[in-house]
Amino acid sequence: MKAGQRVRLRAASPIAKRDEMPTEAVGTVLCSYRVRARAGAPEKVDVKFTGNTVMWGVAAEEFETVEESHCTA
């Protein structure tokens, strides 16, 4: 994933259930990175949703990309 990309949580994501985030909520990737100190570490992303909601350091696999034509935010 890359900065500026539009994403939403996957419907099956435990984060969506834990944080009570609606699966239709679309956010923007602020940055994408890997923690190199850990071998095999997954890609992490910081994602900003509408309002002041930001998810920091979430595994990129928890999100799916959204085509611009499907964005409502």
C-alpha atoms as a PDB file:
ATOM      1  CA  MET A   1       0.000   0.000   0.000  1.00  0.00           C
ATOM      2  CA  LYS A   2       1.120   3.560  -0.515  1.00  0.00           C
ATOM      3  CA  ALA A   3       0.379   6.992   0.909  1.00  0.00           C
ATOM      4  CA  GLY A   4      -2.808   8.530  -0.456  1.00  0.00           C
ATOM      5  CA  GLN A   5      -4.398   5.190  -1.318  1.00  0.00           C
ATOM      6  CA  ARG A   6      -8.057   4.798  -0.270  1.00  0.00           C
ATOM      7  CA  VAL A   7      -8.802   1.719   1.856  1.00  0.00           C
ATOM      8  CA  ARG A   8     -11.384   0.164   4.150  1.00  0.00           C
ATOM      9  CA  LEU A   9     -11.155  -2.563   6.769  1.00  0.00           C
ATOM     10  CA  ARG A  10     -11.848  -6.070   5.538  1.00  0.00           C
ATOM     11  CA  ALA A  11     -15.234  -7.307   6.713  1.00  0.00           C
ATOM     12  CA  ALA A  12     -13.614 -10.253   8.519  1.00  0.00           C
ATOM     13  CA  SER A  13     -11.039  -8.086  10.287  1.00  0.00           C
ATOM     14  CA  PRO A  14     -11.052  -8.546  14.065  1.00  0.00           C
ATOM     15  CA  ILE A  15     -10.066  -4.872  14.322  1.00  0.00           C
ATOM     16  CA  ALA A  16     -13.364  -3.814  12.753  1.00  0.00           C
ATOM     17  CA  LYS A  17     -15.233  -5.726  15.440  1.00  0.00           C
ATOM     18  CA  ARG A  18     -12.974  -4.683  18.317  1.00  0.00           C
ATOM     19  CA  ASP A  19     -12.976  -0.966  17.478  1.00  0.00           C
ATOM     20  CA  GLU A  20     -16.611  -0.945  16.294  1.00  0.00           C
ATOM     21  CA  MET A  21     -15.461   0.607  13.019  1.00  0.00           C
ATOM     22  CA  PRO A  22     -18.087   0.309  10.259  1.00  0.00           C
ATOM     23  CA  THR A  23     -16.727  -1.850   7.434  1.00  0.00           C
ATOM     24  CA  GLU A  24     -17.995   0.670   4.868  1.00  0.00           C
ATOM     25  CA  ALA A  25     -15.822   3.454   6.365  1.00  0.00           C
ATOM     26  CA  VAL A  26     -13.211   4.567   3.824  1.00  0.00           C
ATOM     27  CA  GLY A  27      -9.889   6.012   4.946  1.00  0.00           C
ATOM     28  CA  THR A  28      -6.680   7.306   3.400  1.00  0.00           C
ATOM     29  CA  VAL A  29      -3.276   5.695   3.937  1.00  0.00           C
ATOM     30  CA  LEU A  30      -0.972   8.237   5.592  1.00  0.00           C
ATOM     31  CA  CYS A  31       2.122   6.036   5.367  1.00  0.00           C
ATOM     32  CA  SER A  32       3.220   2.448   4.900  1.00  0.00           C
ATOM     33  CA  TYR A  33       6.264   0.855   6.559  1.00  0.00           C
ATOM     34  CA  ARG A  34       7.910  -2.266   7.952  1.00  0.00           C
ATOM     35  CA  VAL A  35       9.590  -2.567  11.335  1.00  0.00           C
ATOM     36  CA  ARG A  36      12.983  -3.848  10.239  1.00  0.00           C
ATOM     37  CA  ALA A  37      14.054  -4.844  13.737  1.00  0.00           C
ATOM     38  CA  ARG A  38      11.752  -7.857  13.451  1.00  0.00           C
ATOM     39  CA  ALA A  39      12.538 -10.431  10.776  1.00  0.00           C
ATOM     40  CA  GLY A  40       9.487 -11.188   8.647  1.00  0.00           C
ATOM     41  CA  ALA A  41       7.508  -8.282  10.080  1.00  0.00           C
ATOM     42  CA  PRO A  42       4.349  -7.514   8.099  1.00  0.00           C
ATOM     43  CA  GLU A  43       3.740  -4.249   6.302  1.00  0.00           C
ATOM     44  CA  LYS A  44       2.089  -1.722   8.626  1.00  0.00           C
ATOM     45  CA  VAL A  45      -0.021   1.282   7.685  1.00  0.00           C
ATOM     46  CA  ASP A  46      -1.333   4.400   9.374  1.00  0.00           C
ATOM     47  CA  VAL A  47      -4.818   5.238   8.066  1.00  0.00           C
ATOM     48  CA  LYS A  48      -6.897   8.383   8.628  1.00  0.00           C
ATOM     49  CA  PHE A  49     -10.672   8.169   8.498  1.00  0.00           C
ATOM     50  CA  THR A  50     -13.172  11.042   8.554  1.00  0.00           C
ATOM     51  CA  GLY A  51     -13.136  13.163  11.659  1.00  0.00           C
ATOM     52  CA  ASN A  52     -10.123  12.628  13.868  1.00  0.00           C
ATOM     53  CA  THR A  53     -10.054   8.832  13.704  1.00  0.00           C
ATOM     54  CA  VAL A  54      -6.592   7.481  12.875  1.00  0.00           C
ATOM     55  CA  MET A  55      -5.490   3.860  13.049  1.00  0.00           C
ATOM     56  CA  TRP A  56      -1.758   3.672  13.748  1.00  0.00           C
ATOM     57  CA  GLY A  57       0.464   0.690  12.948  1.00  0.00           C
ATOM     58  CA  VAL A  58      -2.215  -1.691  11.703  1.00  0.00           C
ATOM     59  CA  ALA A  59      -1.171  -4.655   9.542  1.00  0.00           C
ATOM     60  CA  ALA A  60      -1.831  -3.786   5.899  1.00  0.00           C
ATOM     61  CA  GLU A  61      -3.522  -7.164   5.416  1.00  0.00           C
ATOM     62  CA  GLU A  62      -6.418  -5.907   7.575  1.00  0.00           C
ATOM     63  CA  PHE A  63      -7.379  -3.464   4.790  1.00  0.00           C
ATOM     64  CA  GLU A  64      -8.571  -3.717   1.203  1.00  0.00           C
ATOM     65  CA  THR A  65      -8.134  -1.034  -1.426  1.00  0.00           C
ATOM     66  CA  VAL A  66     -11.126   0.934  -2.640  1.00  0.00           C
ATOM     67  CA  GLU A  67     -11.486   2.140  -6.205  1.00  0.00           C
ATOM     68  CA  GLU A  68     -12.030   5.898  -6.442  1.00  0.00           C
ATOM     69  CA  SER A  69     -15.449   5.363  -8.069  1.00  0.00           C
ATOM     70  CA  HIS A  70     -16.614   3.623  -4.856  1.00  0.00           C
ATOM     71  CA  CYS A  71     -15.478   6.340  -2.440  1.00  0.00           C
ATOM     72  CA  THR A  72     -18.163   8.370  -0.763  1.00  0.00           C
ATOM     73  CA  ALA A  73     -15.960  10.273   1.695  1.00  0.00           C
END
